[in-house]
Protein backbone atom coordinates (compact mmCIF):
# COMPACT_ATOMS: atom_id res chain seq x y z
CA UNK A 1 91.95 56.67 69.96
CA UNK A 2 92.24 56.70 72.91
CA UNK A 3 95.19 55.16 72.46
CA UNK A 4 97.43 57.49 70.51
CA UNK A 5 96.02 60.30 73.12
CA UNK A 6 99.42 61.91 74.48
CA UNK A 7 101.71 58.77 72.58
CA UNK A 8 105.35 60.47 71.52
CA UNK A 9 104.83 60.52 67.36
CA UNK A 10 108.08 61.39 65.03
CA UNK A 11 107.58 61.29 61.85
CA UNK A 12 110.24 62.41 59.04
CA UNK A 13 109.31 63.96 56.26
CA UNK A 14 107.36 65.82 58.35
CA UNK A 15 107.39 69.45 56.13
CA UNK A 16 104.73 68.03 53.34
CA UNK A 17 102.22 65.28 52.44
CA UNK A 18 101.97 62.65 53.94
CA UNK A 19 104.02 63.66 57.01
CA UNK A 20 101.97 67.15 57.38
CA UNK A 21 98.95 65.21 57.99
CA UNK A 22 100.36 62.93 60.11
CA UNK A 23 101.03 64.73 62.33
CA UNK A 24 98.32 67.42 61.71
CA UNK A 25 95.77 65.04 62.86
CA UNK A 26 97.84 63.09 65.46
CA UNK A 27 98.18 66.06 67.32
CA UNK A 28 94.62 66.94 67.44
CA UNK A 29 93.66 63.68 68.74
CA UNK A 30 96.02 63.87 71.59
CA UNK A 31 99.26 62.51 70.78
CA UNK A 32 102.84 65.04 70.70
CA UNK A 33 104.35 65.22 67.56
CA UNK A 34 107.83 65.44 66.49
CA UNK A 35 107.99 66.69 63.21
CA UNK A 36 111.86 66.24 61.17
CA UNK A 37 112.78 67.25 57.64
CA UNK A 38 115.05 69.43 55.39
CA UNK A 39 113.38 72.37 55.79
CA UNK A 40 112.89 74.14 59.42
CA UNK A 41 110.85 76.97 58.12
CA UNK A 42 108.62 74.44 57.02
CA UNK A 43 108.61 72.44 59.98
CA UNK A 44 108.22 75.49 62.20
CA UNK A 45 105.01 76.65 60.86
CA UNK A 46 103.63 73.68 61.42
CA UNK A 47 104.81 72.48 64.72
CA UNK A 48 103.41 76.07 65.51
CA UNK A 49 99.80 75.70 64.27
CA UNK A 50 99.51 72.81 66.29
CA UNK A 51 100.23 74.65 68.98
CA UNK A 52 98.03 78.06 68.49
CA UNK A 53 95.93 74.25 67.61
CA UNK A 54 96.13 73.18 71.54
CA UNK A 55 98.02 70.57 70.52
CA UNK A 56 102.22 69.81 71.51
CA UNK A 57 104.72 69.56 68.61
CA UNK A 58 108.03 70.76 67.73
CA UNK A 59 111.40 70.17 65.32
CA UNK A 60 114.12 69.17 64.53
CA UNK A 61 116.04 69.98 61.00
CA UNK A 62 116.79 66.61 60.05
CA UNK A 63 118.64 64.76 57.14
CA UNK A 64 117.66 61.07 57.37
CA UNK A 65 120.64 60.06 54.43
CA UNK A 66 122.77 61.47 58.04
CA UNK A 67 122.45 59.32 60.33
CA UNK A 68 123.33 62.36 63.09
CA UNK A 69 120.77 64.83 61.97
CA UNK A 70 118.10 61.46 62.64
CA UNK A 71 120.04 59.94 66.11
CA UNK A 72 119.70 64.09 66.76
CA UNK A 73 115.82 63.97 66.02
CA UNK A 74 115.23 61.39 68.74
CA UNK A 75 117.53 63.24 70.66
CA UNK A 76 114.89 65.90 70.28
CA UNK A 77 111.69 64.22 70.89
CA UNK A 78 113.07 62.49 74.95
CA UNK A 79 114.38 65.67 75.43
CA UNK A 80 111.19 67.19 74.22
CA UNK A 81 108.67 64.99 76.03
CA UNK A 82 110.36 62.58 78.00
CA UNK A 83 109.65 58.83 75.73
CA UNK A 84 110.01 57.99 72.48
CA UNK A 85 106.60 55.61 71.28
CA UNK A 86 106.08 56.03 67.72
CA UNK A 87 108.87 56.55 65.02
CA UNK A 88 106.63 56.76 61.31
CA UNK A 89 110.05 56.78 58.53
CA UNK A 90 108.08 58.78 56.16
CA UNK A 91 110.74 61.30 54.62
CA UNK A 92 110.63 59.05 50.24
CA UNK A 93 112.29 60.50 47.30
CA UNK A 94 110.87 59.05 43.99
CA UNK A 95 112.71 59.26 41.01
CA UNK A 96 110.81 57.90 37.95
CA UNK A 97 112.55 57.12 34.86
CA UNK A 98 113.41 54.87 32.52
CA UNK A 99 117.00 52.78 32.81
CA UNK A 100 117.89 53.52 30.06
CA UNK A 101 118.57 57.29 30.78
CA UNK A 102 121.54 55.79 33.05
CA UNK A 103 119.75 58.50 36.11
CA UNK A 104 122.72 57.07 38.19
CA UNK A 105 122.93 60.09 40.48
CA UNK A 106 119.07 59.25 41.46
CA UNK A 107 119.26 55.72 42.25
CA UNK A 108 122.29 56.28 44.65
CA UNK A 109 119.19 59.50 45.64
CA UNK A 110 116.43 57.63 46.29
CA UNK A 111 118.78 54.42 48.09
CA UNK A 112 120.21 56.74 50.54
CA UNK A 113 115.99 58.18 51.61
CA UNK A 114 114.14 55.45 50.95
CA UNK A 115 116.11 52.64 52.76
CA UNK A 116 118.95 53.95 53.95
CA UNK A 117 117.12 56.86 55.53
CA UNK A 118 114.71 54.46 57.42
CA UNK A 119 117.23 52.29 58.40
CA UNK A 120 118.98 55.14 59.93
CA UNK A 121 115.23 55.69 61.61
CA UNK A 122 115.56 51.96 63.35
CA UNK A 123 118.90 52.69 64.71
CA UNK A 124 118.20 55.60 66.29
CA UNK A 125 114.66 54.51 67.37
CA UNK A 126 115.02 50.83 68.02
CA UNK A 127 117.36 51.37 71.16
CA UNK A 128 115.07 53.45 73.18
CA UNK A 129 111.53 50.70 72.38
CA UNK A 130 114.02 48.28 73.67
CA UNK A 131 114.77 50.16 77.00
CA UNK A 132 111.27 51.02 77.83
CA UNK A 133 110.12 47.74 76.63
CA UNK A 134 107.66 49.28 73.83
CA UNK A 135 107.92 51.45 70.58
CA UNK A 136 106.11 51.20 66.93
CA UNK A 137 107.44 50.99 63.60
CA UNK A 138 105.80 52.32 60.28
CA UNK A 139 107.91 52.38 57.33
CA UNK A 140 105.95 54.02 54.34
CA UNK A 141 106.20 51.66 51.18
CA UNK A 142 104.87 52.27 48.15
CA UNK A 143 101.88 50.17 46.35
CA UNK A 144 105.08 49.99 43.70
CA UNK A 145 106.35 48.31 46.31
CA UNK A 146 104.40 45.11 45.53
CA UNK A 147 104.94 45.38 41.95
CA UNK A 148 107.17 45.95 40.30
CA UNK A 149 106.38 50.24 38.27
CA UNK A 150 107.52 49.53 34.77
CA UNK A 151 108.81 50.91 33.03
CA UNK A 152 110.11 54.29 34.54
CA UNK A 153 109.99 53.08 37.94
CA UNK A 154 112.33 50.64 38.78
CA UNK A 155 114.85 51.22 40.87
CA UNK A 156 111.90 53.24 42.68
CA UNK A 157 109.93 50.57 43.36
CA UNK A 158 113.61 48.48 44.31
CA UNK A 159 113.56 50.15 47.24
CA UNK A 160 109.94 49.98 48.71
CA UNK A 161 109.97 46.57 48.23
CA UNK A 162 113.37 47.08 51.15
CA UNK A 163 111.34 48.78 52.96
CA UNK A 164 109.15 45.83 53.55
CA UNK A 165 111.72 43.05 53.05
CA UNK A 166 113.37 44.92 56.38
CA UNK A 167 109.75 45.82 58.00
CA UNK A 168 109.14 42.02 57.86
CA UNK A 169 112.86 40.92 59.09
CA UNK A 170 112.24 44.09 61.78
CA UNK A 171 109.87 42.52 63.03
CA UNK A 172 110.25 39.26 63.49
CA UNK A 173 113.22 40.27 65.36
CA UNK A 174 112.25 42.97 67.70
CA UNK A 175 110.05 40.52 69.38
CA UNK A 176 106.26 40.86 71.37
CA UNK A 177 106.65 44.38 72.80
CA UNK A 178 107.38 46.22 69.90
CA UNK A 179 105.25 46.55 67.35
CA UNK A 180 106.26 47.31 63.01
CA UNK A 181 103.79 48.39 60.63
CA UNK A 182 104.29 48.76 56.75
CA UNK A 183 102.37 51.41 55.20
CA UNK A 184 101.73 50.93 51.31
CA UNK A 185 100.17 54.27 49.39
CA UNK A 186 99.19 54.27 45.78
CA UNK A 187 99.37 57.81 44.35
CA UNK A 188 98.34 60.43 47.24
CA UNK A 189 98.41 64.28 46.43
CA UNK A 190 101.74 65.74 47.83
CA UNK A 191 105.85 66.47 46.76
CA UNK A 192 107.01 63.10 45.79
CA UNK A 193 105.02 63.22 42.28
CA UNK A 194 107.31 66.32 41.96
CA UNK A 195 110.78 64.51 42.16
CA UNK A 196 111.54 62.48 38.51
CA UNK A 197 113.67 65.34 36.43
CA UNK A 198 113.12 62.96 33.40
CA UNK A 199 111.12 65.19 31.11
CA UNK A 200 108.69 62.66 29.43
CA UNK A 201 108.39 60.73 32.78
CA UNK A 202 108.00 64.02 34.90
CA UNK A 203 105.14 64.98 32.11
CA UNK A 204 103.39 61.22 32.60
CA UNK A 205 103.36 61.62 36.52
CA UNK A 206 102.09 64.75 36.59
CA UNK A 207 98.76 63.53 34.62
CA UNK A 208 98.45 60.45 35.75
CA UNK A 209 98.08 62.13 39.83
CA UNK A 210 95.68 64.47 38.06
CA UNK A 211 93.38 62.32 37.02
CA UNK A 212 94.00 59.73 40.04
CA UNK A 213 95.59 60.55 43.75
CA UNK A 214 93.78 60.74 47.14
CA UNK A 215 94.37 63.87 49.44
CA UNK A 216 97.68 63.10 51.96
CA UNK A 217 94.80 62.94 55.30
CA UNK A 218 93.32 59.28 53.61
CA UNK A 219 97.35 58.03 54.58
CA UNK A 220 97.57 59.56 58.48
CA UNK A 221 94.10 58.27 58.96
CA UNK A 222 95.87 54.62 57.95
CA UNK A 223 98.59 55.50 60.93
CA UNK A 224 96.23 56.55 63.53
CA UNK A 225 93.94 53.05 62.53
CA UNK A 226 97.32 50.88 63.38
CA UNK A 227 98.93 52.65 66.71
CA UNK A 228 95.02 53.55 67.75
CA UNK A 229 95.02 49.50 68.38
CA UNK A 230 95.95 47.55 71.49
CA UNK A 231 99.61 46.90 72.59
CA UNK A 232 99.12 43.18 71.86
CA UNK A 233 97.67 43.71 68.50
CA UNK A 234 99.78 44.01 65.82
CA UNK A 235 98.84 46.21 62.04
CA UNK A 236 101.66 44.75 59.83
CA UNK A 237 100.49 45.36 56.41
CA UNK A 238 97.99 49.31 55.34
CA UNK A 239 97.32 49.05 51.55
CA UNK A 240 95.72 52.27 50.69
CA UNK A 241 94.95 53.15 46.79
CA UNK A 242 92.52 55.07 45.41
CA UNK A 243 89.41 53.68 44.12
CA UNK A 244 90.37 53.96 40.12
CA UNK A 245 94.41 52.98 40.51
CA UNK A 246 94.59 49.60 38.99
CA UNK A 247 98.12 49.02 39.88
């Protein structure tokens, strides 16, 4: 874990779930973490816990659908710790419903958060990485970005397929000094499962998660594995499912 200590790691969606657990885990390994999310009070509580335990953490209230907010998050990291080593684009929304329900507003939100939010994270961090001559993008996709989750998850899957495509194109473009990792979680215990307003879909998702989910720190450990590799080793893709999950 020597390659994690003292690295500055920025995490979107840091107020709960995968983002929170990743921050706590990496901080315990010596990373300096910078949390972004909309709920500033939750970010403060997490950062305070990490700092009280001897880690180093700070935060910046961030809505990933607003490019200026994401730029502000990266600036907070630079102002606080002098550099950025890892950008974890984790913020996401999973609004499950059949296409016939015409939840167009939810389609828009998923595109804004799951795709544009990742792009804004790339746009904010890439110039920093280029100037430094090093950096690491970790983009959170989903098993639904490998196999279309249908019926109900068609648009969500579309956004997560996009994250994989963007990540692979990014990897090819950035050259040999910047690393790119895509993580594809299966069912993970987090607030993501609460994103559906369609009653039947929401009930089905809740039932599925009761019987088939793993803790969020499972993904935190996968992220740590990618970060800890030597600089010339680029872990490009990791799929992490519950053993019982069949897709």
